Amino acid sequence: MKMNKIVCFALLLMLYSMQAMAAQPVNINKASAQQIAESLDGVGLSKAQAIVEYRNRNGSFKHPDELVNVKGIGLSTLDRNRGFIRLTDSKGTKAQKSS
């Protein structure tokens, strides 16, 4: 019984740490598709490529909410990643967080 609790705790800890590593701040106006896919939770390479293609066609994102205009990115994905979406670099200029 005690061993089951230890195994369950270890699995939960591992799952939590994997999720914490998944999402990290990323400038969606400069990042490559690979960087976006590695940084945002629920965004794989194909969705990240769609973000980059949208950016190339329409110019830089002015607000994180514009991501819902990208095919495959919905409100759920946007809301899950709001704290990690940046529109500017943090070097020299204050990074804009989505609100």
Foldseek 3Di string as FASTA:
>chain_A
DVVVVVVVVVVVVVVVVVVVQQAAADALQDDQLVVVCSHFPPRHSVQSVQSVVCCVVPPADPALVCSCVGPPDHPVSSVRHQQRYWNDDVPPDNTDGHD
